[in-house]
Amino acid sequence: MASLTAETKQKTLRAWGYVRCSTDDQARSDFSTLDAQREAIEHYAERRSRDCVEWKIVQVLCDEGLSGKDSKRPGLQTLMRAVDNGEVDVVIVYRLDRISRSSADFVQMWERFQSANVNFVATDQDFDTTTPMGRAMLMIAMVFAQLERETIVEKIQHKMHASVARGLFMGGGLPFGVMLDADRSRVAHPEYVPIIREAYRIADQR
């Protein structure tokens, strides 16, 4: 992989940025997390342009309201096609977990980066993919990003199971025997009340 110093000082680096947030709410504020990521990428490229001829931001691709658990994201797919087509010299993200929270997916991305002679920068974590140690640290960080995601999923599943065990409604449609009235409030459906009472009677006998 090419160095970002001596070998690239005679040309303009084509830098592509990538930003992502997991929920739509994160993208709708006056200054959203996407805006903050985009700003960090632009500032980094501007700062590095003092060292090289120029770090030119070609495009900053965005996936709004999408998880990083897999690579099925339109913005990311566009980025990877540009990488494969030789249109990219360096990919810039704010943090590693913005581009992926799956170590398996990122390993595949990294192999494609290497095949296309593309460098990778995470501005908030200062990863340097031009050295063996930097590449090793990148993989270690990716493992912890995946661990964080799986821990969050485990906590959510535990809470859902505990709520179901207590008989709480978890959404996904109305329970049997329930309907919405004119005010969109949940009320018992008169047609099914006898069936529900019989079900409770049988359950109490067990």
N, C-alpha and C. Protein backbone atom coordinates (compact mmCIF):
# COMPACT_ATOMS: atom_id res chain seq x y z
N MET A 1 0.84 -1.19 0.00
CA MET A 1 0.00 0.00 0.00
C MET A 1 0.87 1.24 0.00
N ALA A 2 0.46 2.24 -0.76
CA ALA A 2 1.27 3.45 -0.91
C ALA A 2 1.30 4.24 0.38
N SER A 3 2.46 4.88 0.62
CA SER A 3 2.59 5.77 1.77
C SER A 3 1.83 7.05 1.49
N LEU A 4 1.36 7.69 2.56
CA LEU A 4 0.66 8.96 2.41
C LEU A 4 1.61 10.14 2.51
N THR A 5 2.92 9.88 2.44
CA THR A 5 3.88 10.98 2.58
C THR A 5 4.66 11.17 1.29
N ALA A 6 5.87 10.59 1.22
CA ALA A 6 6.77 10.87 0.10
C ALA A 6 6.20 10.50 -1.25
N GLU A 7 5.57 9.31 -1.36
CA GLU A 7 5.12 8.83 -2.65
C GLU A 7 3.97 9.65 -3.21
N THR A 8 3.22 10.36 -2.36
CA THR A 8 2.01 11.04 -2.81
C THR A 8 2.18 12.55 -2.89
N LYS A 9 3.38 13.06 -2.62
CA LYS A 9 3.55 14.51 -2.61
C LYS A 9 3.55 15.12 -4.00
N GLN A 10 3.63 14.28 -5.04
CA GLN A 10 3.68 14.82 -6.39
C GLN A 10 2.30 14.78 -7.06
N LYS A 11 1.24 14.45 -6.33
CA LYS A 11 -0.08 14.39 -6.95
C LYS A 11 -1.15 14.77 -5.94
N THR A 12 -2.34 14.99 -6.45
CA THR A 12 -3.50 15.27 -5.61
C THR A 12 -4.13 13.96 -5.18
N LEU A 13 -4.37 13.81 -3.90
CA LEU A 13 -5.04 12.62 -3.40
C LEU A 13 -6.54 12.76 -3.56
N ARG A 14 -7.15 11.75 -4.14
CA ARG A 14 -8.61 11.74 -4.28
C ARG A 14 -9.19 11.12 -3.02
N ALA A 15 -9.73 11.96 -2.17
CA ALA A 15 -10.26 11.50 -0.88
C ALA A 15 -11.78 11.39 -0.94
N TRP A 16 -12.29 10.27 -0.51
CA TRP A 16 -13.73 10.05 -0.42
C TRP A 16 -14.10 9.90 1.06
N GLY A 17 -15.08 10.66 1.50
CA GLY A 17 -15.54 10.55 2.88
C GLY A 17 -16.77 9.66 2.98
N TYR A 18 -17.00 9.12 4.16
CA TYR A 18 -18.19 8.31 4.41
C TYR A 18 -18.72 8.63 5.79
N VAL A 19 -20.03 8.93 5.88
CA VAL A 19 -20.67 9.23 7.16
C VAL A 19 -21.90 8.35 7.32
N ARG A 20 -22.24 8.05 8.57
CA ARG A 20 -23.39 7.18 8.84
C ARG A 20 -23.95 7.49 10.22
N CYS A 21 -25.27 7.37 10.36
CA CYS A 21 -25.90 7.38 11.68
C CYS A 21 -26.95 6.28 11.70
N SER A 22 -27.25 5.76 12.89
CA SER A 22 -28.11 4.59 13.00
C SER A 22 -29.60 4.92 12.99
N THR A 23 -29.98 6.13 13.40
CA THR A 23 -31.40 6.49 13.47
C THR A 23 -31.66 7.78 12.71
N ASP A 24 -32.89 7.91 12.21
CA ASP A 24 -33.28 9.11 11.49
C ASP A 24 -33.23 10.34 12.39
N ASP A 25 -33.55 10.16 13.68
CA ASP A 25 -33.57 11.30 14.61
C ASP A 25 -32.20 11.95 14.70
N GLN A 26 -31.13 11.13 14.61
CA GLN A 26 -29.78 11.66 14.69
C GLN A 26 -29.44 12.57 13.51
N ALA A 27 -30.20 12.45 12.44
CA ALA A 27 -29.90 13.20 11.22
C ALA A 27 -30.78 14.43 11.03
N ARG A 28 -31.74 14.65 11.94
CA ARG A 28 -32.75 15.68 11.70
C ARG A 28 -32.55 16.95 12.52
N SER A 29 -31.58 16.99 13.41
CA SER A 29 -31.37 18.20 14.21
C SER A 29 -30.69 19.27 13.37
N ASP A 30 -30.65 20.51 13.90
CA ASP A 30 -30.04 21.62 13.16
C ASP A 30 -28.58 21.34 12.82
N PHE A 31 -27.85 20.73 13.77
CA PHE A 31 -26.47 20.30 13.50
C PHE A 31 -26.37 18.86 13.95
N SER A 32 -26.56 17.95 12.99
CA SER A 32 -26.71 16.54 13.31
C SER A 32 -25.35 15.85 13.45
N THR A 33 -25.42 14.60 13.85
CA THR A 33 -24.19 13.81 13.94
C THR A 33 -23.56 13.62 12.56
N LEU A 34 -24.39 13.60 11.51
CA LEU A 34 -23.86 13.51 10.16
C LEU A 34 -23.09 14.78 9.79
N ASP A 35 -23.62 15.93 10.20
CA ASP A 35 -22.93 17.20 9.96
C ASP A 35 -21.58 17.21 10.67
N ALA A 36 -21.57 16.72 11.92
CA ALA A 36 -20.33 16.71 12.69
C ALA A 36 -19.29 15.79 12.06
N GLN A 37 -19.72 14.63 11.59
CA GLN A 37 -18.80 13.70 10.92
C GLN A 37 -18.25 14.31 9.64
N ARG A 38 -19.14 14.93 8.87
CA ARG A 38 -18.74 15.53 7.60
C ARG A 38 -17.71 16.66 7.83
N GLU A 39 -17.97 17.45 8.86
CA GLU A 39 -17.06 18.56 9.19
C GLU A 39 -15.69 18.04 9.60
N ALA A 40 -15.66 16.96 10.41
CA ALA A 40 -14.39 16.38 10.85
C ALA A 40 -13.59 15.86 9.65
N ILE A 41 -14.27 15.25 8.70
CA ILE A 41 -13.60 14.73 7.50
C ILE A 41 -13.01 15.86 6.68
N GLU A 42 -13.79 16.92 6.49
CA GLU A 42 -13.32 18.07 5.69
C GLU A 42 -12.15 18.77 6.36
N HIS A 43 -12.21 18.92 7.68
CA HIS A 43 -11.11 19.58 8.41
C HIS A 43 -9.84 18.74 8.32
N TYR A 44 -10.00 17.41 8.41
CA TYR A 44 -8.83 16.54 8.34
C TYR A 44 -8.16 16.67 6.98
N ALA A 45 -8.95 16.63 5.91
CA ALA A 45 -8.39 16.75 4.56
C ALA A 45 -7.71 18.10 4.37
N GLU A 46 -8.31 19.14 4.91
CA GLU A 46 -7.71 20.48 4.81
C GLU A 46 -6.37 20.53 5.55
N ARG A 47 -6.33 19.91 6.73
CA ARG A 47 -5.10 19.91 7.52
C ARG A 47 -4.00 19.11 6.82
N ARG A 48 -4.34 17.97 6.26
CA ARG A 48 -3.34 17.13 5.59
C ARG A 48 -2.86 17.75 4.29
N SER A 49 -3.65 18.63 3.70
CA SER A 49 -3.24 19.29 2.46
C SER A 49 -2.02 20.19 2.68
N ARG A 50 -1.72 20.51 3.93
CA ARG A 50 -0.52 21.29 4.21
C ARG A 50 0.73 20.43 4.07
N ASP A 51 0.57 19.11 4.19
CA ASP A 51 1.70 18.20 4.08
C ASP A 51 1.90 17.74 2.63
N CYS A 52 0.79 17.42 1.97
CA CYS A 52 0.85 16.95 0.59
C CYS A 52 0.44 18.11 -0.33
N VAL A 53 0.41 17.83 -1.62
CA VAL A 53 -0.04 18.86 -2.55
C VAL A 53 -1.49 19.22 -2.25
N GLU A 54 -2.34 18.21 -2.19
CA GLU A 54 -3.75 18.47 -1.90
C GLU A 54 -4.46 17.17 -1.56
N TRP A 55 -5.30 17.21 -0.54
CA TRP A 55 -6.24 16.13 -0.28
C TRP A 55 -7.59 16.65 -0.76
N LYS A 56 -7.99 16.24 -1.94
CA LYS A 56 -9.23 16.75 -2.53
C LYS A 56 -10.40 15.84 -2.17
N ILE A 57 -11.40 16.41 -1.49
CA ILE A 57 -12.61 15.65 -1.18
C ILE A 57 -13.43 15.53 -2.45
N VAL A 58 -13.49 14.34 -3.02
CA VAL A 58 -14.26 14.10 -4.23
C VAL A 58 -15.74 14.03 -3.91
N GLN A 59 -16.05 13.31 -2.83
CA GLN A 59 -17.44 13.12 -2.45
C GLN A 59 -17.49 12.62 -1.01
N VAL A 60 -18.53 13.03 -0.27
CA VAL A 60 -18.79 12.48 1.06
C VAL A 60 -20.12 11.73 0.98
N LEU A 61 -20.04 10.42 1.04
CA LEU A 61 -21.23 9.59 0.91
C LEU A 61 -21.89 9.39 2.27
N CYS A 62 -23.21 9.25 2.26
CA CYS A 62 -23.97 9.23 3.51
C CYS A 62 -24.96 8.08 3.53
N ASP A 63 -25.02 7.38 4.66
CA ASP A 63 -26.09 6.40 4.92
C ASP A 63 -26.81 6.85 6.18
N GLU A 64 -28.03 7.31 6.02
CA GLU A 64 -28.78 7.90 7.12
C GLU A 64 -29.78 6.89 7.69
N GLY A 65 -29.74 6.71 9.01
CA GLY A 65 -30.68 5.81 9.66
C GLY A 65 -30.43 4.34 9.39
N LEU A 66 -29.16 3.97 9.16
CA LEU A 66 -28.82 2.57 8.86
C LEU A 66 -27.76 2.06 9.82
N SER A 67 -27.91 0.83 10.25
CA SER A 67 -26.96 0.21 11.16
C SER A 67 -25.67 -0.15 10.45
N GLY A 68 -24.58 -0.24 11.23
CA GLY A 68 -23.30 -0.67 10.68
C GLY A 68 -23.07 -2.16 10.85
N LYS A 69 -24.12 -2.92 11.16
CA LYS A 69 -23.94 -4.35 11.42
C LYS A 69 -23.60 -5.14 10.17
N ASP A 70 -23.96 -4.61 8.98
CA ASP A 70 -23.60 -5.28 7.73
C ASP A 70 -23.29 -4.22 6.68
N SER A 71 -22.98 -4.66 5.48
CA SER A 71 -22.56 -3.73 4.42
C SER A 71 -23.67 -3.40 3.43
N LYS A 72 -24.91 -3.76 3.77
CA LYS A 72 -26.03 -3.51 2.87
C LYS A 72 -26.53 -2.08 3.03
N ARG A 73 -25.68 -1.14 2.57
CA ARG A 73 -25.99 0.29 2.67
C ARG A 73 -25.66 0.95 1.34
N PRO A 74 -26.59 1.72 0.78
CA PRO A 74 -26.37 2.32 -0.56
C PRO A 74 -25.11 3.17 -0.66
N GLY A 75 -24.90 4.03 0.35
CA GLY A 75 -23.72 4.89 0.31
C GLY A 75 -22.44 4.10 0.35
N LEU A 76 -22.39 3.09 1.20
CA LEU A 76 -21.19 2.26 1.30
C LEU A 76 -20.95 1.48 0.02
N GLN A 77 -22.02 0.97 -0.59
CA GLN A 77 -21.86 0.23 -1.83
C GLN A 77 -21.32 1.12 -2.95
N THR A 78 -21.78 2.38 -2.98
CA THR A 78 -21.26 3.33 -3.97
C THR A 78 -19.77 3.57 -3.74
N LEU A 79 -19.38 3.72 -2.47
CA LEU A 79 -17.98 3.92 -2.13
C LEU A 79 -17.13 2.73 -2.58
N MET A 80 -17.59 1.53 -2.31
CA MET A 80 -16.80 0.35 -2.65
C MET A 80 -16.69 0.15 -4.15
N ARG A 81 -17.73 0.54 -4.90
CA ARG A 81 -17.63 0.47 -6.37
C ARG A 81 -16.58 1.45 -6.87
N ALA A 82 -16.54 2.65 -6.26
CA ALA A 82 -15.52 3.63 -6.64
C ALA A 82 -14.13 3.12 -6.32
N VAL A 83 -13.98 2.44 -5.18
CA VAL A 83 -12.69 1.84 -4.81
C VAL A 83 -12.27 0.81 -5.86
N ASP A 84 -13.18 -0.08 -6.20
CA ASP A 84 -12.87 -1.13 -7.17
C ASP A 84 -12.56 -0.56 -8.56
N ASN A 85 -13.16 0.60 -8.88
CA ASN A 85 -12.95 1.22 -10.19
C ASN A 85 -11.70 2.09 -10.24
N GLY A 86 -10.94 2.14 -9.14
CA GLY A 86 -9.71 2.92 -9.13
C GLY A 86 -9.92 4.42 -9.04
N GLU A 87 -11.04 4.85 -8.47
CA GLU A 87 -11.36 6.27 -8.38
C GLU A 87 -10.97 6.89 -7.04
N VAL A 88 -10.41 6.09 -6.13
CA VAL A 88 -10.17 6.52 -4.76
C VAL A 88 -8.71 6.30 -4.37
N ASP A 89 -8.13 7.29 -3.69
CA ASP A 89 -6.79 7.13 -3.12
C ASP A 89 -6.84 6.91 -1.62
N VAL A 90 -7.81 7.53 -0.96
CA VAL A 90 -7.93 7.40 0.50
C VAL A 90 -9.39 7.55 0.91
N VAL A 91 -9.82 6.70 1.83
CA VAL A 91 -11.16 6.76 2.40
C VAL A 91 -11.06 7.37 3.80
N ILE A 92 -11.89 8.37 4.07
CA ILE A 92 -11.85 9.05 5.37
C ILE A 92 -13.20 8.89 6.06
N VAL A 93 -13.16 8.44 7.31
CA VAL A 93 -14.35 8.38 8.15
C VAL A 93 -14.03 9.06 9.48
N TYR A 94 -15.07 9.36 10.25
CA TYR A 94 -14.85 9.98 11.56
C TYR A 94 -14.34 8.95 12.56
N ARG A 95 -15.05 7.83 12.64
CA ARG A 95 -14.64 6.73 13.50
C ARG A 95 -14.81 5.42 12.74
N LEU A 96 -14.07 4.42 13.15
CA LEU A 96 -14.11 3.12 12.49
C LEU A 96 -15.51 2.54 12.47
N ASP A 97 -16.27 2.68 13.58
CA ASP A 97 -17.59 2.06 13.64
C ASP A 97 -18.61 2.74 12.74
N ARG A 98 -18.25 3.89 12.13
CA ARG A 98 -19.15 4.52 11.16
C ARG A 98 -19.20 3.72 9.87
N ILE A 99 -18.09 3.14 9.49
CA ILE A 99 -18.07 2.39 8.23
C ILE A 99 -18.47 0.93 8.44
N SER A 100 -18.20 0.37 9.63
CA SER A 100 -18.61 -1.00 9.90
C SER A 100 -18.50 -1.33 11.38
N ARG A 101 -19.45 -2.16 11.85
CA ARG A 101 -19.38 -2.72 13.20
C ARG A 101 -19.18 -4.24 13.15
N SER A 102 -18.90 -4.75 11.97
CA SER A 102 -18.67 -6.18 11.80
C SER A 102 -17.22 -6.40 11.38
N SER A 103 -16.47 -7.13 12.18
CA SER A 103 -15.07 -7.36 11.85
C SER A 103 -14.94 -8.15 10.55
N ALA A 104 -15.85 -9.11 10.31
CA ALA A 104 -15.79 -9.90 9.07
C ALA A 104 -16.01 -9.01 7.86
N ASP A 105 -17.00 -8.12 7.94
CA ASP A 105 -17.27 -7.22 6.81
C ASP A 105 -16.09 -6.27 6.58
N PHE A 106 -15.52 -5.76 7.67
CA PHE A 106 -14.43 -4.80 7.48
C PHE A 106 -13.18 -5.47 6.92
N VAL A 107 -12.93 -6.70 7.31
CA VAL A 107 -11.79 -7.43 6.74
C VAL A 107 -11.92 -7.51 5.22
N GLN A 108 -13.14 -7.78 4.74
CA GLN A 108 -13.37 -7.85 3.30
C GLN A 108 -13.17 -6.47 2.66
N MET A 109 -13.66 -5.42 3.32
CA MET A 109 -13.44 -4.07 2.81
C MET A 109 -11.96 -3.75 2.74
N TRP A 110 -11.25 -4.11 3.81
CA TRP A 110 -9.82 -3.80 3.89
C TRP A 110 -9.04 -4.51 2.79
N GLU A 111 -9.42 -5.75 2.49
CA GLU A 111 -8.76 -6.48 1.40
C GLU A 111 -9.00 -5.78 0.07
N ARG A 112 -10.20 -5.25 -0.13
CA ARG A 112 -10.49 -4.51 -1.37
C ARG A 112 -9.72 -3.19 -1.40
N PHE A 113 -9.59 -2.53 -0.24
CA PHE A 113 -8.79 -1.31 -0.17
C PHE A 113 -7.34 -1.61 -0.59
N GLN A 114 -6.79 -2.68 -0.03
CA GLN A 114 -5.40 -3.02 -0.32
C GLN A 114 -5.20 -3.37 -1.79
N SER A 115 -6.15 -4.12 -2.36
CA SER A 115 -6.05 -4.50 -3.78
C SER A 115 -6.07 -3.27 -4.69
N ALA A 116 -6.80 -2.23 -4.26
CA ALA A 116 -6.91 -1.01 -5.07
C ALA A 116 -5.91 0.06 -4.66
N ASN A 117 -4.99 -0.29 -3.74
CA ASN A 117 -3.98 0.66 -3.27
C ASN A 117 -4.61 1.89 -2.61
N VAL A 118 -5.65 1.64 -1.81
CA VAL A 118 -6.40 2.70 -1.14
C VAL A 118 -6.04 2.71 0.35
N ASN A 119 -5.74 3.89 0.87
CA ASN A 119 -5.48 4.05 2.30
C ASN A 119 -6.77 4.37 3.04
N PHE A 120 -6.75 4.17 4.35
CA PHE A 120 -7.94 4.36 5.17
C PHE A 120 -7.58 5.21 6.38
N VAL A 121 -8.42 6.19 6.67
CA VAL A 121 -8.20 7.09 7.80
C VAL A 121 -9.46 7.18 8.65
N ALA A 122 -9.31 7.03 9.96
CA ALA A 122 -10.37 7.33 10.92
C ALA A 122 -9.90 8.54 11.71
N THR A 123 -10.50 9.69 11.47
CA THR A 123 -9.96 10.95 11.98
C THR A 123 -9.89 11.01 13.50
N ASP A 124 -10.88 10.42 14.18
CA ASP A 124 -10.94 10.52 15.64
C ASP A 124 -10.07 9.49 16.33
N GLN A 125 -9.55 8.53 15.57
CA GLN A 125 -8.76 7.45 16.17
C GLN A 125 -7.34 7.39 15.63
N ASP A 126 -7.04 8.22 14.65
CA ASP A 126 -5.68 8.38 14.14
C ASP A 126 -5.06 7.05 13.71
N PHE A 127 -5.83 6.26 12.94
CA PHE A 127 -5.28 5.01 12.41
C PHE A 127 -4.38 5.30 11.22
N ASP A 128 -3.24 4.65 11.18
CA ASP A 128 -2.29 4.79 10.08
C ASP A 128 -2.14 3.44 9.41
N THR A 129 -2.77 3.25 8.27
CA THR A 129 -2.76 1.94 7.62
C THR A 129 -1.53 1.72 6.76
N THR A 130 -0.55 2.61 6.84
CA THR A 130 0.67 2.44 6.05
C THR A 130 1.73 1.63 6.78
N THR A 131 1.47 1.22 8.04
CA THR A 131 2.44 0.45 8.81
C THR A 131 1.82 -0.86 9.28
N PRO A 132 2.62 -1.92 9.48
CA PRO A 132 2.08 -3.18 9.99
C PRO A 132 1.39 -3.01 11.35
N MET A 133 2.00 -2.22 12.25
CA MET A 133 1.40 -2.01 13.57
C MET A 133 0.05 -1.29 13.44
N GLY A 134 0.00 -0.30 12.54
CA GLY A 134 -1.25 0.43 12.34
C GLY A 134 -2.35 -0.48 11.83
N ARG A 135 -2.01 -1.40 10.92
CA ARG A 135 -3.00 -2.33 10.40
C ARG A 135 -3.46 -3.30 11.49
N ALA A 136 -2.53 -3.74 12.34
CA ALA A 136 -2.90 -4.64 13.44
C ALA A 136 -3.82 -3.93 14.43
N MET A 137 -3.52 -2.68 14.77
CA MET A 137 -4.35 -1.92 15.69
C MET A 137 -5.74 -1.69 15.10
N LEU A 138 -5.80 -1.52 13.79
CA LEU A 138 -7.09 -1.34 13.12
C LEU A 138 -7.96 -2.58 13.31
N MET A 139 -7.38 -3.76 13.14
CA MET A 139 -8.13 -5.00 13.31
C MET A 139 -8.59 -5.19 14.76
N ILE A 140 -7.72 -4.84 15.70
CA ILE A 140 -8.09 -4.95 17.12
C ILE A 140 -9.26 -4.04 17.44
N ALA A 141 -9.20 -2.80 16.94
CA ALA A 141 -10.29 -1.85 17.18
C ALA A 141 -11.59 -2.35 16.56
N MET A 142 -11.50 -3.02 15.40
CA MET A 142 -12.69 -3.53 14.74
C MET A 142 -13.34 -4.62 15.57
N VAL A 143 -12.54 -5.45 16.22
CA VAL A 143 -13.08 -6.50 17.09
C VAL A 143 -13.87 -5.88 18.24
N PHE A 144 -13.34 -4.81 18.83
CA PHE A 144 -14.04 -4.17 19.94
C PHE A 144 -15.30 -3.45 19.47
N ALA A 145 -15.29 -2.92 18.25
CA ALA A 145 -16.50 -2.29 17.71
C ALA A 145 -17.61 -3.31 17.56
N GLN A 146 -17.26 -4.53 17.09
CA GLN A 146 -18.25 -5.58 16.96
C GLN A 146 -18.72 -6.06 18.33
N LEU A 147 -17.80 -6.15 19.29
CA LEU A 147 -18.17 -6.55 20.64
C LEU A 147 -19.19 -5.58 21.24
N GLU A 148 -18.97 -4.29 21.02
CA GLU A 148 -19.90 -3.29 21.54
C GLU A 148 -21.29 -3.48 20.95
N ARG A 149 -21.35 -3.70 19.63
CA ARG A 149 -22.64 -3.89 18.98
C ARG A 149 -23.35 -5.13 19.51
N GLU A 150 -22.62 -6.25 19.66
CA GLU A 150 -23.24 -7.48 20.13
C GLU A 150 -23.68 -7.36 21.58
N THR A 151 -22.95 -6.60 22.39
CA THR A 151 -23.35 -6.38 23.78
C THR A 151 -24.65 -5.60 23.85
N ILE A 152 -24.78 -4.58 23.00
CA ILE A 152 -26.00 -3.78 22.96
C ILE A 152 -27.18 -4.65 22.54
N VAL A 153 -26.99 -5.48 21.52
CA VAL A 153 -28.05 -6.38 21.06
C VAL A 153 -28.46 -7.33 22.17
N GLU A 154 -27.49 -7.87 22.89
CA GLU A 154 -27.77 -8.81 23.97
C GLU A 154 -28.59 -8.15 25.07
N LYS A 155 -28.26 -6.91 25.41
CA LYS A 155 -29.00 -6.18 26.44
C LYS A 155 -30.44 -5.93 26.01
N ILE A 156 -30.63 -5.56 24.75
CA ILE A 156 -31.98 -5.31 24.24
C ILE A 156 -32.81 -6.58 24.26
N GLN A 157 -32.19 -7.70 23.84
CA GLN A 157 -32.91 -8.97 23.83
C GLN A 157 -33.29 -9.40 25.23
N HIS A 158 -32.37 -9.19 26.18
CA HIS A 158 -32.66 -9.55 27.57
C HIS A 158 -33.84 -8.74 28.11
N LYS A 159 -33.87 -7.45 27.79
CA LYS A 159 -34.96 -6.60 28.25
C LYS A 159 -36.29 -7.03 27.63
N MET A 160 -36.25 -7.38 26.33
CA MET A 160 -37.48 -7.81 25.66
C MET A 160 -38.00 -9.11 26.25
N HIS A 161 -37.10 -10.06 26.52
CA HIS A 161 -37.52 -11.34 27.09
C HIS A 161 -38.11 -11.14 28.48
N ALA A 162 -37.48 -10.27 29.27
CA ALA A 162 -37.99 -10.00 30.62
C ALA A 162 -39.36 -9.34 30.56
N SER A 163 -39.56 -8.44 29.60
CA SER A 163 -40.85 -7.76 29.46
C SER A 163 -41.94 -8.73 29.03
N VAL A 164 -41.59 -9.63 28.08
CA VAL A 164 -42.56 -10.63 27.63
C VAL A 164 -42.94 -11.56 28.78
N ALA A 165 -41.95 -11.95 29.59
CA ALA A 165 -42.21 -12.83 30.73
C ALA A 165 -43.17 -12.20 31.72
N ARG A 166 -43.19 -10.87 31.77
CA ARG A 166 -44.11 -10.16 32.66
C ARG A 166 -45.45 -9.85 32.00
N GLY A 167 -45.62 -10.34 30.77
CA GLY A 167 -46.88 -10.14 30.07
C GLY A 167 -47.02 -8.78 29.44
N LEU A 168 -45.93 -8.05 29.27
CA LEU A 168 -46.00 -6.71 28.66
C LEU A 168 -46.07 -6.80 27.15
N PHE A 169 -46.82 -5.90 26.55
CA PHE A 169 -46.97 -5.88 25.09
C PHE A 169 -45.74 -5.24 24.47
N MET A 170 -45.12 -5.93 23.48
CA MET A 170 -43.87 -5.46 22.90
C MET A 170 -44.05 -4.89 21.49
N GLY A 171 -45.28 -4.65 21.09
CA GLY A 171 -45.50 -4.06 19.77
C GLY A 171 -45.54 -5.11 18.68
N GLY A 172 -45.50 -4.65 17.43
CA GLY A 172 -45.54 -5.58 16.30
C GLY A 172 -46.96 -5.96 15.90
N GLY A 173 -47.94 -5.14 16.25
CA GLY A 173 -49.33 -5.45 15.94
C GLY A 173 -50.16 -5.59 17.20
N LEU A 174 -51.45 -5.55 17.06
CA LEU A 174 -52.33 -5.64 18.23
C LEU A 174 -52.45 -7.08 18.71
N PRO A 175 -52.48 -7.29 20.04
CA PRO A 175 -52.68 -8.64 20.57
C PRO A 175 -54.05 -9.17 20.18
N PHE A 176 -54.21 -10.47 20.24
CA PHE A 176 -55.50 -11.10 19.94
C PHE A 176 -56.57 -10.55 20.88
N GLY A 177 -57.72 -10.19 20.32
CA GLY A 177 -58.84 -9.73 21.13
C GLY A 177 -58.80 -8.25 21.44
N VAL A 178 -57.89 -7.52 20.83
CA VAL A 178 -57.77 -6.08 21.08
C VAL A 178 -58.02 -5.33 19.78
N MET A 179 -58.69 -4.19 19.89
CA MET A 179 -58.96 -3.35 18.73
C MET A 179 -58.72 -1.89 19.10
N LEU A 180 -58.68 -1.02 18.10
CA LEU A 180 -58.52 0.41 18.33
C LEU A 180 -59.87 1.09 18.21
N ASP A 181 -60.18 1.96 19.17
CA ASP A 181 -61.42 2.72 19.08
C ASP A 181 -61.21 3.98 18.24
N ALA A 182 -62.18 4.87 18.21
CA ALA A 182 -62.11 6.07 17.38
C ALA A 182 -60.96 6.98 17.79
N ASP A 183 -60.53 6.91 19.05
CA ASP A 183 -59.43 7.74 19.56
C ASP A 183 -58.08 7.04 19.46
N ARG A 184 -58.06 5.90 18.74
CA ARG A 184 -56.84 5.11 18.57
C ARG A 184 -56.34 4.53 19.88
N SER A 185 -57.26 4.33 20.82
CA SER A 185 -56.92 3.70 22.09
C SER A 185 -57.22 2.20 22.00
N ARG A 186 -56.44 1.37 22.71
CA ARG A 186 -56.66 -0.07 22.69
C ARG A 186 -57.83 -0.43 23.61
N VAL A 187 -58.80 -1.17 23.07
CA VAL A 187 -59.94 -1.64 23.84
C VAL A 187 -60.20 -3.10 23.48
N ALA A 188 -60.94 -3.80 24.34
CA ALA A 188 -61.27 -5.20 24.08
C ALA A 188 -62.25 -5.30 22.92
N HIS A 189 -62.02 -6.28 22.05
CA HIS A 189 -62.92 -6.52 20.92
C HIS A 189 -64.09 -7.36 21.44
N PRO A 190 -65.31 -6.82 21.37
CA PRO A 190 -66.45 -7.52 21.97
C PRO A 190 -66.64 -8.95 21.45
N GLU A 191 -66.28 -9.17 20.19
CA GLU A 191 -66.49 -10.49 19.58
C GLU A 191 -65.61 -11.56 20.21
N TYR A 192 -64.43 -11.13 20.73
CA TYR A 192 -63.46 -12.11 21.25
C TYR A 192 -63.39 -12.16 22.77
N VAL A 193 -64.17 -11.33 23.46
CA VAL A 193 -64.14 -11.32 24.93
C VAL A 193 -64.44 -12.70 25.51
N PRO A 194 -65.48 -13.41 25.05
CA PRO A 194 -65.76 -14.75 25.61
C PRO A 194 -64.59 -15.72 25.43
N ILE A 195 -63.92 -15.64 24.27
CA ILE A 195 -62.80 -16.55 24.00
C ILE A 195 -61.64 -16.25 24.96
N ILE A 196 -61.37 -14.98 25.18
CA ILE A 196 -60.27 -14.58 26.07
C ILE A 196 -60.57 -15.01 27.50
N ARG A 197 -61.81 -14.82 27.94
CA ARG A 197 -62.18 -15.24 29.30
C ARG A 197 -62.03 -16.74 29.48
N GLU A 198 -62.42 -17.50 28.44
CA GLU A 198 -62.28 -18.95 28.51
C GLU A 198 -60.81 -19.35 28.55
N ALA A 199 -59.94 -18.63 27.79
CA ALA A 199 -58.53 -18.93 27.80
C ALA A 199 -57.93 -18.68 29.19
N TYR A 200 -58.33 -17.60 29.81
CA TYR A 200 -57.85 -17.30 31.17
C TYR A 200 -58.36 -18.35 32.16
N ARG A 201 -59.62 -18.79 31.98
CA ARG A 201 -60.17 -19.80 32.89
C ARG A 201 -59.36 -21.09 32.80
N ILE A 202 -59.07 -21.51 31.57
CA ILE A 202 -58.31 -22.75 31.38
C ILE A 202 -56.88 -22.61 31.96
N ALA A 203 -56.26 -21.43 31.74
CA ALA A 203 -54.92 -21.21 32.26
C ALA A 203 -54.90 -21.24 33.78
N ASP A 204 -55.93 -20.71 34.42
CA ASP A 204 -55.98 -20.69 35.88
C ASP A 204 -56.14 -22.09 36.47
N GLN A 205 -56.69 -23.00 35.69
CA GLN A 205 -56.91 -24.36 36.19
C GLN A 205 -55.64 -25.20 36.13
N ARG A 206 -54.62 -24.74 35.41
CA ARG A 206 -53.40 -25.53 35.24
C ARG A 206 -52.42 -25.27 36.37
